[in-house]
């Protein structure tokens, strides 16, 4: 019996990967977040969206497969209805995603 591994993943864009015009298109207001999370909650597990003036990131649990990263990016763009270049996004998984989240929370990645 093959055991599936669940890993933390992160897709996002920030001040280093996208100009302010594109970041603004993907920014979620606090009022938008409950509906967006409810919408995507049935399609992915463990969804969390972090949206500030410098970044928009989607954290989820999944397989960590690169195809899953592309799907998460497409989902985020679709939910916002934004015209954002997908090549601006980064995809982090496993320890890299967790390390990034802690660096953002600590203010090191800002």
C-alpha atoms as a PDB file:
ATOM      1  CA  UNK A   1       0.000   0.000   0.000  1.00  0.00           C
ATOM      2  CA  UNK A   2       1.474   3.303  -1.114  1.00  0.00           C
ATOM      3  CA  UNK A   3       1.338   6.071   1.464  1.00  0.00           C
ATOM      4  CA  UNK A   4       0.598   9.562   0.188  1.00  0.00           C
ATOM      5  CA  UNK A   5       2.622  12.416   1.587  1.00  0.00           C
ATOM      6  CA  UNK A   6       1.005  15.753   2.267  1.00  0.00           C
ATOM      7  CA  UNK A   7       3.265  18.795   2.157  1.00  0.00           C
ATOM      8  CA  UNK A   8       2.915  22.508   2.696  1.00  0.00           C
ATOM      9  CA  UNK A   9       2.938  24.526  -0.500  1.00  0.00           C
ATOM     10  CA  UNK A  10       2.974  28.235  -1.255  1.00  0.00           C
ATOM     11  CA  UNK A  11       2.344  30.128  -4.470  1.00  0.00           C
ATOM     12  CA  UNK A  12       2.564  33.876  -4.617  1.00  0.00           C
ATOM     13  CA  UNK A  13       4.021  37.022  -5.971  1.00  0.00           C
ATOM     14  CA  UNK A  14       5.696  39.850  -4.144  1.00  0.00           C
ATOM     15  CA  UNK A  15       7.592  43.107  -4.491  1.00  0.00           C
ATOM     16  CA  UNK A  16      10.596  41.228  -5.857  1.00  0.00           C
ATOM     17  CA  UNK A  17       8.740  39.308  -8.573  1.00  0.00           C
ATOM     18  CA  UNK A  18       5.998  41.683  -9.773  1.00  0.00           C
ATOM     19  CA  UNK A  19       5.500  45.417 -10.219  1.00  0.00           C
ATOM     20  CA  UNK A  20       3.020  47.205  -7.979  1.00  0.00           C
ATOM     21  CA  UNK A  21       0.430  47.349 -10.791  1.00  0.00           C
ATOM     22  CA  UNK A  22       0.262  43.553 -10.951  1.00  0.00           C
ATOM     23  CA  UNK A  23       0.349  43.117  -7.169  1.00  0.00           C
ATOM     24  CA  UNK A  24      -2.596  45.493  -6.838  1.00  0.00           C
ATOM     25  CA  UNK A  25      -4.634  43.399  -9.286  1.00  0.00           C
ATOM     26  CA  UNK A  26      -4.199  40.354  -7.067  1.00  0.00           C
ATOM     27  CA  UNK A  27      -4.633  41.995  -3.653  1.00  0.00           C
ATOM     28  CA  UNK A  28      -7.555  40.692  -1.587  1.00  0.00           C
ATOM     29  CA  UNK A  29      -9.341  42.949   0.875  1.00  0.00           C
ATOM     30  CA  UNK A  30     -10.339  41.573   4.294  1.00  0.00           C
ATOM     31  CA  UNK A  31     -13.962  41.682   3.127  1.00  0.00           C
ATOM     32  CA  UNK A  32     -13.198  39.486   0.089  1.00  0.00           C
ATOM     33  CA  UNK A  33     -11.284  36.769   1.929  1.00  0.00           C
ATOM     34  CA  UNK A  34     -14.164  34.824   3.548  1.00  0.00           C
ATOM     35  CA  UNK A  35     -15.962  34.323   0.219  1.00  0.00           C
ATOM     36  CA  UNK A  36     -12.760  33.436  -1.644  1.00  0.00           C
ATOM     37  CA  UNK A  37     -11.670  30.945   0.999  1.00  0.00           C
ATOM     38  CA  UNK A  38     -15.142  29.379   1.008  1.00  0.00           C
ATOM     39  CA  UNK A  39     -14.997  29.119  -2.784  1.00  0.00           C
ATOM     40  CA  UNK A  40     -11.594  27.457  -2.959  1.00  0.00           C
ATOM     41  CA  UNK A  41     -11.995  25.437   0.237  1.00  0.00           C
ATOM     42  CA  UNK A  42     -13.825  22.657  -1.578  1.00  0.00           C
ATOM     43  CA  UNK A  43     -11.061  22.346  -4.169  1.00  0.00           C
ATOM     44  CA  UNK A  44      -7.912  22.437  -2.050  1.00  0.00           C
ATOM     45  CA  UNK A  45      -7.047  21.484   1.505  1.00  0.00           C
ATOM     46  CA  UNK A  46      -5.813  23.812   4.185  1.00  0.00           C
ATOM     47  CA  UNK A  47      -6.111  27.058   2.235  1.00  0.00           C
ATOM     48  CA  UNK A  48      -4.744  30.294   3.701  1.00  0.00           C
ATOM     49  CA  UNK A  49      -4.361  33.540   1.769  1.00  0.00           C
ATOM     50  CA  UNK A  50      -1.885  36.185   2.850  1.00  0.00           C
ATOM     51  CA  UNK A  51      -2.457  39.507   1.098  1.00  0.00           C
ATOM     52  CA  UNK A  52      -0.572  42.713   1.914  1.00  0.00           C
ATOM     53  CA  UNK A  53       0.670  45.701  -0.039  1.00  0.00           C
ATOM     54  CA  UNK A  54       3.857  43.776  -0.874  1.00  0.00           C
ATOM     55  CA  UNK A  55       2.546  40.283  -1.588  1.00  0.00           C
ATOM     56  CA  UNK A  56      -0.304  37.889  -2.222  1.00  0.00           C
ATOM     57  CA  UNK A  57       0.343  34.284  -1.303  1.00  0.00           C
ATOM     58  CA  UNK A  58      -1.771  31.152  -1.163  1.00  0.00           C
ATOM     59  CA  UNK A  59      -0.668  28.473   1.293  1.00  0.00           C
ATOM     60  CA  UNK A  60      -2.177  25.010   1.021  1.00  0.00           C
ATOM     61  CA  UNK A  61      -1.485  21.400   1.768  1.00  0.00           C
ATOM     62  CA  UNK A  62      -1.062  19.054  -1.136  1.00  0.00           C
ATOM     63  CA  UNK A  63       1.276  16.773  -2.997  1.00  0.00           C
ATOM     64  CA  UNK A  64       3.939  19.378  -3.737  1.00  0.00           C
ATOM     65  CA  UNK A  65       3.857  18.479  -7.414  1.00  0.00           C
ATOM     66  CA  UNK A  66       4.796  21.336  -9.815  1.00  0.00           C
ATOM     67  CA  UNK A  67       1.540  20.762 -11.730  1.00  0.00           C
ATOM     68  CA  UNK A  68      -0.302  21.422  -8.488  1.00  0.00           C
ATOM     69  CA  UNK A  69       1.613  24.708  -8.155  1.00  0.00           C
ATOM     70  CA  UNK A  70       0.445  25.793 -11.613  1.00  0.00           C
ATOM     71  CA  UNK A  71      -3.126  24.845 -10.692  1.00  0.00           C
ATOM     72  CA  UNK A  72      -2.950  26.909  -7.487  1.00  0.00           C
ATOM     73  CA  UNK A  73      -1.627  29.912  -9.408  1.00  0.00           C
ATOM     74  CA  UNK A  74      -4.443  29.612 -11.947  1.00  0.00           C
ATOM     75  CA  UNK A  75      -6.971  29.274  -9.140  1.00  0.00           C
ATOM     76  CA  UNK A  76      -5.730  32.410  -7.398  1.00  0.00           C
ATOM     77  CA  UNK A  77      -5.791  34.440 -10.620  1.00  0.00           C
ATOM     78  CA  UNK A  78      -9.268  33.148 -11.501  1.00  0.00           C
ATOM     79  CA  UNK A  79     -10.720  33.853  -8.048  1.00  0.00           C
ATOM     80  CA  UNK A  80      -9.543  37.458  -8.238  1.00  0.00           C
ATOM     81  CA  UNK A  81     -10.438  37.821 -11.918  1.00  0.00           C
ATOM     82  CA  UNK A  82      -7.038  39.396 -12.454  1.00  0.00           C
ATOM     83  CA  UNK A  83      -4.959  39.673 -15.589  1.00  0.00           C
ATOM     84  CA  UNK A  84      -1.597  38.785 -14.039  1.00  0.00           C
ATOM     85  CA  UNK A  85       1.343  37.099 -15.743  1.00  0.00           C
ATOM     86  CA  UNK A  86       1.697  33.637 -14.166  1.00  0.00           C
ATOM     87  CA  UNK A  87       5.478  33.794 -14.648  1.00  0.00           C
ATOM     88  CA  UNK A  88       5.590  36.413 -11.846  1.00  0.00           C
ATOM     89  CA  UNK A  89       4.655  33.753  -9.282  1.00  0.00           C
ATOM     90  CA  UNK A  90       6.896  31.580  -7.194  1.00  0.00           C
ATOM     91  CA  UNK A  91       6.079  28.060  -6.039  1.00  0.00           C
ATOM     92  CA  UNK A  92       7.531  26.843  -2.763  1.00  0.00           C
ATOM     93  CA  UNK A  93       7.035  23.441  -1.183  1.00  0.00           C
ATOM     94  CA  UNK A  94       8.047  21.363   1.791  1.00  0.00           C
ATOM     95  CA  UNK A  95      10.500  23.049   4.160  1.00  0.00           C
ATOM     96  CA  UNK A  96      10.999  25.932   1.732  1.00  0.00           C
ATOM     97  CA  UNK A  97       7.315  26.977   2.044  1.00  0.00           C
ATOM     98  CA  UNK A  98       7.324  26.736   5.838  1.00  0.00           C
ATOM     99  CA  UNK A  99      10.619  28.625   6.127  1.00  0.00           C
ATOM    100  CA  UNK A 100       9.272  31.360   3.855  1.00  0.00           C
ATOM    101  CA  UNK A 101       6.090  31.704   5.940  1.00  0.00           C
ATOM    102  CA  UNK A 102       8.096  32.116   9.140  1.00  0.00           C
ATOM    103  CA  UNK A 103      10.374  34.676   7.465  1.00  0.00           C
ATOM    104  CA  UNK A 104       7.341  36.661   6.296  1.00  0.00           C
ATOM    105  CA  UNK A 105       5.698  36.470   9.740  1.00  0.00           C
ATOM    106  CA  UNK A 106       8.923  37.617  11.408  1.00  0.00           C
ATOM    107  CA  UNK A 107       9.311  40.571   9.041  1.00  0.00           C
ATOM    108  CA  UNK A 108      12.507  39.231   7.486  1.00  0.00           C
ATOM    109  CA  UNK A 109      10.842  38.824   4.054  1.00  0.00           C
ATOM    110  CA  UNK A 110       9.176  42.189   3.672  1.00  0.00           C
END
